[in-house]
Amino acid sequence: TIVHQSLETRWPTLPVLHFSYAEAMQRFVDIDVHRATDSELAVIGTTL
């Protein structure tokens, strides 16, 4: 509500989405963050 009131002159409407951390990692990185090993995360992070 506060952000929308602050930005409504440029964005009269603002859609809102909710993801859990795990959902965001699964959707945008394709990993199961709670089960991925440290080494698997390190490989992805090193590449990025």
All heavy atoms as atom14 arrays in JSON, in Angstrom:
{
  "sequence": "TIVHQSLETRWPTLPVLHFSYAEAMQRFVDIDVHRATDSELAVIGTTL",
  "atom14_mask": [
    [1, 1, 1, 1, 1, 1, 1, 0, 0, 0, 0, 0, 0, 0],
    [1, 1, 1, 1, 1, 1, 1, 1, 0, 0, 0, 0, 0, 0],
    [1, 1, 1, 1, 1, 1, 1, 0, 0, 0, 0, 0, 0, 0],
    [1, 1, 1, 1, 1, 1, 1, 1, 1, 1, 0, 0, 0, 0],
    [1, 1, 1, 1, 1, 1, 1, 1, 1, 0, 0, 0, 0, 0],
    [1, 1, 1, 1, 1, 1, 0, 0, 0, 0, 0, 0, 0, 0],
    [1, 1, 1, 1, 1, 1, 1, 1, 0, 0, 0, 0, 0, 0],
    [1, 1, 1, 1, 1, 1, 1, 1, 1, 0, 0, 0, 0, 0],
    [1, 1, 1, 1, 1, 1, 1, 0, 0, 0, 0, 0, 0, 0],
    [1, 1, 1, 1, 1, 1, 1, 1, 1, 1, 1, 0, 0, 0],
    [1, 1, 1, 1, 1, 1, 1, 1, 1, 1, 1, 1, 1, 1],
    [1, 1, 1, 1, 1, 1, 1, 0, 0, 0, 0, 0, 0, 0],
    [1, 1, 1, 1, 1, 1, 1, 0, 0, 0, 0, 0, 0, 0],
    [1, 1, 1, 1, 1, 1, 1, 1, 0, 0, 0, 0, 0, 0],
    [1, 1, 1, 1, 1, 1, 1, 0, 0, 0, 0, 0, 0, 0],
    [1, 1, 1, 1, 1, 1, 1, 0, 0, 0, 0, 0, 0, 0],
    [1, 1, 1, 1, 1, 1, 1, 1, 0, 0, 0, 0, 0, 0],
    [1, 1, 1, 1, 1, 1, 1, 1, 1, 1, 0, 0, 0, 0],
    [1, 1, 1, 1, 1, 1, 1, 1, 1, 1, 1, 0, 0, 0],
    [1, 1, 1, 1, 1, 1, 0, 0, 0, 0, 0, 0, 0, 0],
    [1, 1, 1, 1, 1, 1, 1, 1, 1, 1, 1, 1, 0, 0],
    [1, 1, 1, 1, 1, 0, 0, 0, 0, 0, 0, 0, 0, 0],
    [1, 1, 1, 1, 1, 1, 1, 1, 1, 0, 0, 0, 0, 0],
    [1, 1, 1, 1, 1, 0, 0, 0, 0, 0, 0, 0, 0, 0],
    [1, 1, 1, 1, 1, 1, 1, 1, 0, 0, 0, 0, 0, 0],
    [1, 1, 1, 1, 1, 1, 1, 1, 1, 0, 0, 0, 0, 0],
    [1, 1, 1, 1, 1, 1, 1, 1, 1, 1, 1, 0, 0, 0],
    [1, 1, 1, 1, 1, 1, 1, 1, 1, 1, 1, 0, 0, 0],
    [1, 1, 1, 1, 1, 1, 1, 0, 0, 0, 0, 0, 0, 0],
    [1, 1, 1, 1, 1, 1, 1, 1, 0, 0, 0, 0, 0, 0],
    [1, 1, 1, 1, 1, 1, 1, 1, 0, 0, 0, 0, 0, 0],
    [1, 1, 1, 1, 1, 1, 1, 1, 0, 0, 0, 0, 0, 0],
    [1, 1, 1, 1, 1, 1, 1, 0, 0, 0, 0, 0, 0, 0],
    [1, 1, 1, 1, 1, 1, 1, 1, 1, 1, 0, 0, 0, 0],
    [1, 1, 1, 1, 1, 1, 1, 1, 1, 1, 1, 0, 0, 0],
    [1, 1, 1, 1, 1, 0, 0, 0, 0, 0, 0, 0, 0, 0],
    [1, 1, 1, 1, 1, 1, 1, 0, 0, 0, 0, 0, 0, 0],
    [1, 1, 1, 1, 1, 1, 1, 1, 0, 0, 0, 0, 0, 0],
    [1, 1, 1, 1, 1, 1, 0, 0, 0, 0, 0, 0, 0, 0],
    [1, 1, 1, 1, 1, 1, 1, 1, 1, 0, 0, 0, 0, 0],
    [1, 1, 1, 1, 1, 1, 1, 1, 0, 0, 0, 0, 0, 0],
    [1, 1, 1, 1, 1, 0, 0, 0, 0, 0, 0, 0, 0, 0],
    [1, 1, 1, 1, 1, 1, 1, 0, 0, 0, 0, 0, 0, 0],
    [1, 1, 1, 1, 1, 1, 1, 1, 0, 0, 0, 0, 0, 0],
    [1, 1, 1, 1, 0, 0, 0, 0, 0, 0, 0, 0, 0, 0],
    [1, 1, 1, 1, 1, 1, 1, 0, 0, 0, 0, 0, 0, 0],
    [1, 1, 1, 1, 1, 1, 1, 0, 0, 0, 0, 0, 0, 0],
    [1, 1, 1, 1, 1, 1, 1, 1, 0, 0, 0, 0, 0, 0]
  ],
  "atom14_positions": [
    [[0.83, -1.21, 0.0], [0.0, 0.0, 0.0], [0.86, 1.26, 0.0], [0.63, 2.19, -0.78], [-0.93, 0.01, 1.24], [-1.85, -1.08, 1.14], [-1.7, 1.32, 1.33], [0.0, 0.0, 0.0], [0.0, 0.0, 0.0], [0.0, 0.0, 0.0], [0.0, 0.0, 0.0], [0.0, 0.0, 0.0], [0.0, 0.0, 0.0], [0.0, 0.0, 0.0]],
    [[1.86, 1.3, 0.87], [2.72, 2.48, 0.98], [3.52, 2.69, -0.31], [3.65, 3.82, -0.81], [3.65, 2.36, 2.2], [2.83, 2.48, 3.48], [4.76, 3.41, 2.17], [3.61, 2.23, 4.75], [0.0, 0.0, 0.0], [0.0, 0.0, 0.0], [0.0, 0.0, 0.0], [0.0, 0.0, 0.0], [0.0, 0.0, 0.0], [0.0, 0.0, 0.0]],
    [[4.06, 1.62, -0.86], [4.84, 1.74, -2.09], [3.94, 2.22, -3.23], [4.31, 3.1, -4.02], [5.52, 0.41, -2.45], [6.15, 0.49, -3.85], [6.58, 0.07, -1.42], [0.0, 0.0, 0.0], [0.0, 0.0, 0.0], [0.0, 0.0, 0.0], [0.0, 0.0, 0.0], [0.0, 0.0, 0.0], [0.0, 0.0, 0.0], [0.0, 0.0, 0.0]],
    [[2.73, 1.66, -3.3], [1.82, 2.08, -4.38], [1.45, 3.55, -4.24], [1.43, 4.29, -5.23], [0.56, 1.22, -4.38], [-0.39, 1.6, -5.48], [-1.61, 2.19, -5.23], [-0.27, 1.52, -6.83], [-2.2, 2.45, -6.38], [-1.43, 2.05, -7.36], [0.0, 0.0, 0.0], [0.0, 0.0, 0.0], [0.0, 0.0, 0.0], [0.0, 0.0, 0.0]],
    [[1.17, 4.0, -3.01], [0.86, 5.42, -2.81], [2.03, 6.3, -3.23], [1.84, 7.41, -3.73], [0.52, 5.67, -1.33], [-0.83, 5.14, -0.9], [-1.17, 5.53, 0.52], [-0.43, 6.26, 1.19], [-2.3, 5.05, 1.01], [0.0, 0.0, 0.0], [0.0, 0.0, 0.0], [0.0, 0.0, 0.0], [0.0, 0.0, 0.0], [0.0, 0.0, 0.0]],
    [[3.25, 5.8, -3.05], [4.44, 6.58, -3.38], [4.74, 6.6, -4.88], [5.39, 7.53, -5.38], [5.66, 6.0, -2.64], [5.43, 5.98, -1.24], [0.0, 0.0, 0.0], [0.0, 0.0, 0.0], [0.0, 0.0, 0.0], [0.0, 0.0, 0.0], [0.0, 0.0, 0.0], [0.0, 0.0, 0.0], [0.0, 0.0, 0.0], [0.0, 0.0, 0.0]],
    [[4.26, 5.59, -5.6], [4.59, 5.46, -7.02], [3.4, 5.65, -7.95], [3.55, 5.54, -9.17], [5.21, 4.07, -7.29], [6.51, 3.74, -6.57], [6.96, 2.33, -6.94], [7.61, 4.75, -6.88], [0.0, 0.0, 0.0], [0.0, 0.0, 0.0], [0.0, 0.0, 0.0], [0.0, 0.0, 0.0], [0.0, 0.0, 0.0], [0.0, 0.0, 0.0]],
    [[2.22, 5.94, -7.4], [1.01, 5.91, -8.23], [0.97, 6.97, -9.32], [0.23, 6.83, -10.29], [-0.24, 6.02, -7.35], [-0.37, 7.29, -6.55], [-1.6, 7.26, -5.65], [-2.43, 6.35, -5.83], [-1.71, 8.14, -4.77], [0.0, 0.0, 0.0], [0.0, 0.0, 0.0], [0.0, 0.0, 0.0], [0.0, 0.0, 0.0], [0.0, 0.0, 0.0]],
    [[1.78, 8.03, -9.19], [1.8, 9.02, -10.27], [2.39, 8.43, -11.55], [2.05, 8.87, -12.65], [2.61, 10.27, -9.86], [3.92, 9.86, -9.46], [1.91, 11.0, -8.72], [0.0, 0.0, 0.0], [0.0, 0.0, 0.0], [0.0, 0.0, 0.0], [0.0, 0.0, 0.0], [0.0, 0.0, 0.0], [0.0, 0.0, 0.0], [0.0, 0.0, 0.0]],
    [[3.27, 7.45, -11.41], [3.88, 6.8, -12.58], [3.25, 5.44, -12.86], [3.2, 4.99, -14.0], [5.38, 6.65, -12.4], [6.13, 7.98, -12.4], [7.6, 7.81, -12.72], [8.29, 9.1, -12.72], [8.35, 9.92, -13.75], [7.73, 9.61, -14.88], [9.01, 11.06, -13.67], [0.0, 0.0, 0.0], [0.0, 0.0, 0.0], [0.0, 0.0, 0.0]],
    [[2.82, 4.75, -11.8], [2.19, 3.44, -11.95], [0.84, 3.47, -11.24], [0.75, 3.15, -10.05], [3.07, 2.34, -11.35], [4.31, 2.04, -12.14], [4.44, 1.2, -13.2], [5.62, 2.58, -11.91], [5.73, 1.18, -13.66], [6.49, 2.02, -12.88], [6.16, 3.49, -10.99], [7.83, 2.32, -12.96], [7.5, 3.79, -11.05], [8.33, 3.21, -12.03]],
    [[-0.23, 3.87, -11.93], [-1.56, 3.93, -11.3], [-1.99, 2.59, -10.7], [-2.71, 2.54, -9.71], [-2.47, 4.36, -12.44], [-1.57, 5.07, -13.4], [-0.28, 4.34, -13.33], [0.0, 0.0, 0.0], [0.0, 0.0, 0.0], [0.0, 0.0, 0.0], [0.0, 0.0, 0.0], [0.0, 0.0, 0.0], [0.0, 0.0, 0.0], [0.0, 0.0, 0.0]],
    [[-1.56, 1.51, -11.32], [-1.82, 0.18, -10.78], [-0.51, -0.59, -10.75], [0.33, -0.45, -11.65], [-2.84, -0.6, -11.63], [-2.34, -0.75, -12.96], [-4.18, 0.13, -11.66], [0.0, 0.0, 0.0], [0.0, 0.0, 0.0], [0.0, 0.0, 0.0], [0.0, 0.0, 0.0], [0.0, 0.0, 0.0], [0.0, 0.0, 0.0], [0.0, 0.0, 0.0]],
    [[-0.35, -1.39, -9.71], [0.86, -2.21, -9.58], [0.46, -3.62, -9.16], [-0.03, -3.82, -8.04], [1.81, -1.61, -8.53], [2.79, -0.53, -8.98], [3.58, -0.01, -7.79], [3.74, -1.08, -10.05], [0.0, 0.0, 0.0], [0.0, 0.0, 0.0], [0.0, 0.0, 0.0], [0.0, 0.0, 0.0], [0.0, 0.0, 0.0], [0.0, 0.0, 0.0]],
    [[0.65, -4.61, -10.04], [0.37, -5.98, -9.64], [1.34, -6.43, -8.54], [2.46, -5.91, -8.43], [0.58, -6.78, -10.92], [1.34, -5.9, -11.83], [1.09, -4.5, -11.43], [0.0, 0.0, 0.0], [0.0, 0.0, 0.0], [0.0, 0.0, 0.0], [0.0, 0.0, 0.0], [0.0, 0.0, 0.0], [0.0, 0.0, 0.0], [0.0, 0.0, 0.0]],
    [[0.89, -7.37, -7.72], [1.69, -7.89, -6.61], [1.82, -9.4, -6.76], [0.83, -10.1, -6.98], [1.04, -7.56, -5.24], [1.88, -8.14, -4.09], [0.88, -6.05, -5.08], [0.0, 0.0, 0.0], [0.0, 0.0, 0.0], [0.0, 0.0, 0.0], [0.0, 0.0, 0.0], [0.0, 0.0, 0.0], [0.0, 0.0, 0.0], [0.0, 0.0, 0.0]],
    [[3.06, -9.9, -6.66], [3.32, -11.33, -6.71], [4.03, -11.78, -5.44], [4.8, -11.0, -4.85], [4.2, -11.69, -7.91], [3.56, -11.65, -9.3], [4.61, -11.99, -10.36], [2.4, -12.63, -9.39], [0.0, 0.0, 0.0], [0.0, 0.0, 0.0], [0.0, 0.0, 0.0], [0.0, 0.0, 0.0], [0.0, 0.0, 0.0], [0.0, 0.0, 0.0]],
    [[3.77, -13.01, -5.03], [4.42, -13.59, -3.86], [5.06, -14.91, -4.24], [4.42, -15.76, -4.86], [3.41, -13.82, -2.73], [2.85, -12.57, -2.14], [3.37, -12.0, -1.0], [1.82, -11.78, -2.52], [2.68, -10.91, -0.7], [1.73, -10.75, -1.62], [0.0, 0.0, 0.0], [0.0, 0.0, 0.0], [0.0, 0.0, 0.0], [0.0, 0.0, 0.0]],
    [[6.34, -15.07, -3.9], [7.04, -16.34, -4.06], [7.71, -16.68, -2.74], [8.21, -15.78, -2.04], [8.16, -16.25, -5.12], [7.7, -15.97, -6.52], [7.98, -14.74, -7.12], [7.02, -16.93, -7.25], [7.58, -14.48, -8.42], [6.61, -16.67, -8.55], [6.89, -15.45, -9.14], [0.0, 0.0, 0.0], [0.0, 0.0, 0.0], [0.0, 0.0, 0.0]],
    [[7.75, -17.96, -2.41], [8.66, -18.36, -1.34], [10.07, -18.34, -1.93], [10.25, -18.38, -3.17], [8.32, -19.76, -0.82], [8.65, -20.74, -1.79], [0.0, 0.0, 0.0], [0.0, 0.0, 0.0], [0.0, 0.0, 0.0], [0.0, 0.0, 0.0], [0.0, 0.0, 0.0], [0.0, 0.0, 0.0], [0.0, 0.0, 0.0], [0.0, 0.0, 0.0]],
    [[11.08, -18.32, -1.08], [12.46, -18.34, -1.53], [12.71, -19.58, -2.39], [13.33, -19.51, -3.45], [13.38, -18.34, -0.31], [14.84, -18.1, -0.58], [15.39, -16.82, -0.48], [15.71, -19.15, -0.88], [16.75, -16.6, -0.7], [17.06, -18.94, -1.1], [17.57, -17.66, -1.01], [18.91, -17.44, -1.22], [0.0, 0.0, 0.0], [0.0, 0.0, 0.0]],
    [[12.17, -20.73, -1.92], [12.36, -21.99, -2.66], [11.67, -21.93, -4.02], [12.22, -22.4, -5.03], [11.82, -23.16, -1.84], [0.0, 0.0, 0.0], [0.0, 0.0, 0.0], [0.0, 0.0, 0.0], [0.0, 0.0, 0.0], [0.0, 0.0, 0.0], [0.0, 0.0, 0.0], [0.0, 0.0, 0.0], [0.0, 0.0, 0.0], [0.0, 0.0, 0.0]],
    [[10.46, -21.35, -4.07], [9.74, -21.23, -5.34], [10.51, -20.36, -6.33], [10.59, -20.68, -7.52], [8.35, -20.64, -5.11], [7.38, -21.59, -4.43], [6.09, -20.91, -4.01], [6.08, -19.65, -3.91], [5.11, -21.63, -3.78], [0.0, 0.0, 0.0], [0.0, 0.0, 0.0], [0.0, 0.0, 0.0], [0.0, 0.0, 0.0], [0.0, 0.0, 0.0]],
    [[11.08, -19.26, -5.84], [11.83, -18.36, -6.72], [13.07, -19.06, -7.27], [13.39, -18.95, -8.47], [12.23, -17.1, -5.96], [0.0, 0.0, 0.0], [0.0, 0.0, 0.0], [0.0, 0.0, 0.0], [0.0, 0.0, 0.0], [0.0, 0.0, 0.0], [0.0, 0.0, 0.0], [0.0, 0.0, 0.0], [0.0, 0.0, 0.0], [0.0, 0.0, 0.0]],
    [[13.78, -19.8, -6.41], [14.97, -20.52, -6.86], [14.61, -21.62, -7.86], [15.32, -21.85, -8.85], [15.71, -21.12, -5.66], [16.48, -20.1, -4.83], [17.92, -19.47, -5.73], [18.66, -18.41, -4.48], [0.0, 0.0, 0.0], [0.0, 0.0, 0.0], [0.0, 0.0, 0.0], [0.0, 0.0, 0.0], [0.0, 0.0, 0.0], [0.0, 0.0, 0.0]],
    [[13.5, -22.32, -7.61], [13.07, -23.38, -8.52], [12.66, -22.8, -9.87], [13.01, -23.32, -10.93], [11.9, -24.14, -7.91], [11.5, -25.4, -8.67], [12.53, -26.51, -8.53], [12.77, -27.0, -7.44], [13.14, -26.91, -9.64], [0.0, 0.0, 0.0], [0.0, 0.0, 0.0], [0.0, 0.0, 0.0], [0.0, 0.0, 0.0], [0.0, 0.0, 0.0]],
    [[11.93, -21.7, -9.84], [11.39, -21.11, -11.07], [12.45, -20.44, -11.92], [12.46, -20.58, -13.15], [10.3, -20.1, -10.71], [9.67, -19.41, -11.9], [8.38, -18.73, -11.51], [7.72, -18.08, -12.63], [6.49, -17.61, -12.61], [5.77, -17.72, -11.5], [5.97, -17.01, -13.66], [0.0, 0.0, 0.0], [0.0, 0.0, 0.0], [0.0, 0.0, 0.0]],
    [[13.37, -19.71, -11.28], [14.31, -18.9, -12.06], [15.72, -19.48, -12.16], [16.53, -19.0, -12.96], [14.37, -17.49, -11.48], [13.04, -16.78, -11.48], [12.36, -16.53, -10.3], [12.45, -16.4, -12.67], [11.12, -15.88, -10.29], [11.21, -15.76, -12.7], [10.55, -15.51, -11.49], [0.0, 0.0, 0.0], [0.0, 0.0, 0.0], [0.0, 0.0, 0.0]],
    [[16.02, -20.5, -11.34], [17.35, -21.11, -11.38], [17.26, -22.62, -11.63], [18.23, -23.26, -12.0], [18.13, -20.85, -10.06], [19.6, -21.25, -10.19], [18.04, -19.39, -9.64], [0.0, 0.0, 0.0], [0.0, 0.0, 0.0], [0.0, 0.0, 0.0], [0.0, 0.0, 0.0], [0.0, 0.0, 0.0], [0.0, 0.0, 0.0], [0.0, 0.0, 0.0]],
    [[16.06, -23.17, -11.4], [15.82, -24.61, -11.57], [16.63, -25.45, -10.58], [17.25, -26.44, -10.95], [16.11, -25.06, -13.0], [15.51, -26.45, -13.3], [14.53, -26.82, -12.64], [16.05, -27.15, -14.17], [0.0, 0.0, 0.0], [0.0, 0.0, 0.0], [0.0, 0.0, 0.0], [0.0, 0.0, 0.0], [0.0, 0.0, 0.0], [0.0, 0.0, 0.0]],
    [[16.64, -25.0, -9.31], [17.28, -25.8, -8.26], [16.34, -25.93, -7.07], [15.5, -25.06, -6.82], [18.61, -25.19, -7.78], [18.39, -23.78, -7.2], [19.66, -25.19, -8.87], [19.61, -23.21, -6.5], [0.0, 0.0, 0.0], [0.0, 0.0, 0.0], [0.0, 0.0, 0.0], [0.0, 0.0, 0.0], [0.0, 0.0, 0.0], [0.0, 0.0, 0.0]],
    [[16.46, -27.05, -6.36], [15.76, -27.26, -5.1], [16.69, -26.73, -4.02], [17.6, -27.42, -3.56], [15.47, -28.75, -4.91], [14.64, -29.03, -3.65], [14.66, -28.17, -2.73], [14.01, -30.09, -3.58], [0.0, 0.0, 0.0], [0.0, 0.0, 0.0], [0.0, 0.0, 0.0], [0.0, 0.0, 0.0], [0.0, 0.0, 0.0], [0.0, 0.0, 0.0]],
    [[16.47, -25.5, -3.61], [17.45, -24.81, -2.77], [17.64, -25.47, -1.42], [18.73, -25.42, -0.84], [17.05, -23.32, -2.6], [15.8, -23.18, -1.73], [18.19, -22.51, -2.01], [0.0, 0.0, 0.0], [0.0, 0.0, 0.0], [0.0, 0.0, 0.0], [0.0, 0.0, 0.0], [0.0, 0.0, 0.0], [0.0, 0.0, 0.0], [0.0, 0.0, 0.0]],
    [[16.61, -26.08, -0.88], [16.73, -26.69, 0.45], [17.45, -28.04, 0.41], [17.89, -28.54, 1.46], [15.35, -26.87, 1.08], [14.67, -25.56, 1.4], [15.27, -24.58, 2.17], [13.45, -25.06, 1.05], [14.45, -23.54, 2.28], [13.35, -23.81, 1.62], [0.0, 0.0, 0.0], [0.0, 0.0, 0.0], [0.0, 0.0, 0.0], [0.0, 0.0, 0.0]],
    [[17.58, -28.64, -0.78], [18.24, -29.93, -0.89], [19.54, -29.87, -1.67], [20.31, -30.83, -1.68], [17.29, -30.95, -1.52], [16.11, -31.29, -0.6], [15.16, -32.31, -1.21], [14.14, -32.72, -0.23], [13.02, -32.06, 0.02], [12.77, -30.93, -0.64], [12.15, -32.51, 0.91], [0.0, 0.0, 0.0], [0.0, 0.0, 0.0], [0.0, 0.0, 0.0]],
    [[19.8, -28.76, -2.34], [21.04, -28.61, -3.1], [22.23, -28.61, -2.14], [22.17, -28.06, -1.04], [21.01, -27.32, -3.9], [0.0, 0.0, 0.0], [0.0, 0.0, 0.0], [0.0, 0.0, 0.0], [0.0, 0.0, 0.0], [0.0, 0.0, 0.0], [0.0, 0.0, 0.0], [0.0, 0.0, 0.0], [0.0, 0.0, 0.0], [0.0, 0.0, 0.0]],
    [[23.32, -29.25, -2.54], [24.52, -29.3, -1.71], [25.29, -27.98, -1.82], [25.08, -27.2, -2.76], [25.43, -30.45, -2.14], [25.91, -30.18, -3.47], [24.69, -31.78, -2.12], [0.0, 0.0, 0.0], [0.0, 0.0, 0.0], [0.0, 0.0, 0.0], [0.0, 0.0, 0.0], [0.0, 0.0, 0.0], [0.0, 0.0, 0.0], [0.0, 0.0, 0.0]],
    [[26.19, -27.76, -0.87], [27.02, -26.56, -0.9], [27.84, -26.5, -2.2], [27.99, -25.43, -2.79], [27.96, -26.53, 0.31], [27.22, -26.34, 1.62], [25.97, -26.22, 1.6], [27.88, -26.31, 2.68], [0.0, 0.0, 0.0], [0.0, 0.0, 0.0], [0.0, 0.0, 0.0], [0.0, 0.0, 0.0], [0.0, 0.0, 0.0], [0.0, 0.0, 0.0]],
    [[28.35, -27.64, -2.61], [29.19, -27.66, -3.82], [28.38, -27.35, -5.07], [28.86, -26.68, -5.98], [29.89, -29.02, -3.96], [28.95, -30.07, -4.02], [0.0, 0.0, 0.0], [0.0, 0.0, 0.0], [0.0, 0.0, 0.0], [0.0, 0.0, 0.0], [0.0, 0.0, 0.0], [0.0, 0.0, 0.0], [0.0, 0.0, 0.0], [0.0, 0.0, 0.0]],
    [[27.13, -27.83, -5.11], [26.27, -27.52, -6.25], [25.99, -26.02, -6.34], [26.01, -25.43, -7.42], [24.95, -28.3, -6.14], [25.11, -29.81, -6.39], [23.85, -30.59, -6.07], [23.02, -30.08, -5.28], [23.7, -31.71, -6.59], [0.0, 0.0, 0.0], [0.0, 0.0, 0.0], [0.0, 0.0, 0.0], [0.0, 0.0, 0.0], [0.0, 0.0, 0.0]],
    [[25.72, -25.41, -5.19], [25.48, -23.97, -5.18], [26.74, -23.2, -5.56], [26.67, -22.18, -6.25], [24.99, -23.54, -3.8], [23.64, -24.11, -3.35], [23.32, -23.66, -1.92], [22.53, -23.68, -4.29], [0.0, 0.0, 0.0], [0.0, 0.0, 0.0], [0.0, 0.0, 0.0], [0.0, 0.0, 0.0], [0.0, 0.0, 0.0], [0.0, 0.0, 0.0]],
    [[27.9, -23.7, -5.11], [29.16, -23.03, -5.43], [29.43, -23.05, -6.93], [29.94, -22.08, -7.5], [30.31, -23.69, -4.67], [0.0, 0.0, 0.0], [0.0, 0.0, 0.0], [0.0, 0.0, 0.0], [0.0, 0.0, 0.0], [0.0, 0.0, 0.0], [0.0, 0.0, 0.0], [0.0, 0.0, 0.0], [0.0, 0.0, 0.0], [0.0, 0.0, 0.0]],
    [[29.1, -24.17, -7.6], [29.3, -24.26, -9.05], [28.44, -23.23, -9.77], [28.92, -22.51, -10.66], [28.97, -25.69, -9.54], [28.91, -25.72, -11.08], [30.01, -26.68, -9.04], [0.0, 0.0, 0.0], [0.0, 0.0, 0.0], [0.0, 0.0, 0.0], [0.0, 0.0, 0.0], [0.0, 0.0, 0.0], [0.0, 0.0, 0.0], [0.0, 0.0, 0.0]],
    [[27.16, -23.14, -9.37], [26.27, -22.18, -10.01], [26.75, -20.75, -9.73], [26.82, -19.9, -10.62], [24.83, -22.36, -9.49], [24.3, -23.74, -9.88], [23.92, -21.26, -10.06], [22.97, -24.08, -9.23], [0.0, 0.0, 0.0], [0.0, 0.0, 0.0], [0.0, 0.0, 0.0], [0.0, 0.0, 0.0], [0.0, 0.0, 0.0], [0.0, 0.0, 0.0]],
    [[27.1, -20.48, -8.47], [27.54, -19.14, -8.09], [28.82, -18.73, -8.78], [28.97, -17.58, -9.21], [0.0, 0.0, 0.0], [0.0, 0.0, 0.0], [0.0, 0.0, 0.0], [0.0, 0.0, 0.0], [0.0, 0.0, 0.0], [0.0, 0.0, 0.0], [0.0, 0.0, 0.0], [0.0, 0.0, 0.0], [0.0, 0.0, 0.0], [0.0, 0.0, 0.0]],
    [[29.75, -19.67, -8.92], [31.02, -19.37, -9.58], [30.79, -19.02, -11.05], [31.4, -18.1, -11.59], [31.97, -20.58, -9.47], [32.25, -20.83, -8.09], [33.28, -20.31, -10.21], [0.0, 0.0, 0.0], [0.0, 0.0, 0.0], [0.0, 0.0, 0.0], [0.0, 0.0, 0.0], [0.0, 0.0, 0.0], [0.0, 0.0, 0.0], [0.0, 0.0, 0.0]],
    [[29.88, -19.75, -11.69], [29.56, -19.46, -13.08], [28.96, -18.06, -13.22], [29.34, -17.29, -14.12], [28.56, -20.49, -13.63], [29.13, -21.79, -13.54], [28.19, -20.18, -15.07], [0.0, 0.0, 0.0], [0.0, 0.0, 0.0], [0.0, 0.0, 0.0], [0.0, 0.0, 0.0], [0.0, 0.0, 0.0], [0.0, 0.0, 0.0], [0.0, 0.0, 0.0]],
    [[28.06, -17.71, -12.31], [27.41, -16.4, -12.38], [28.39, -15.27, -12.06], [28.35, -14.2, -12.69], [26.23, -16.35, -11.4], [25.03, -17.24, -11.75], [24.03, -17.27, -10.6], [24.35, -16.74, -13.03], [0.0, 0.0, 0.0], [0.0, 0.0, 0.0], [0.0, 0.0, 0.0], [0.0, 0.0, 0.0], [0.0, 0.0, 0.0], [0.0, 0.0, 0.0]]
  ]
}
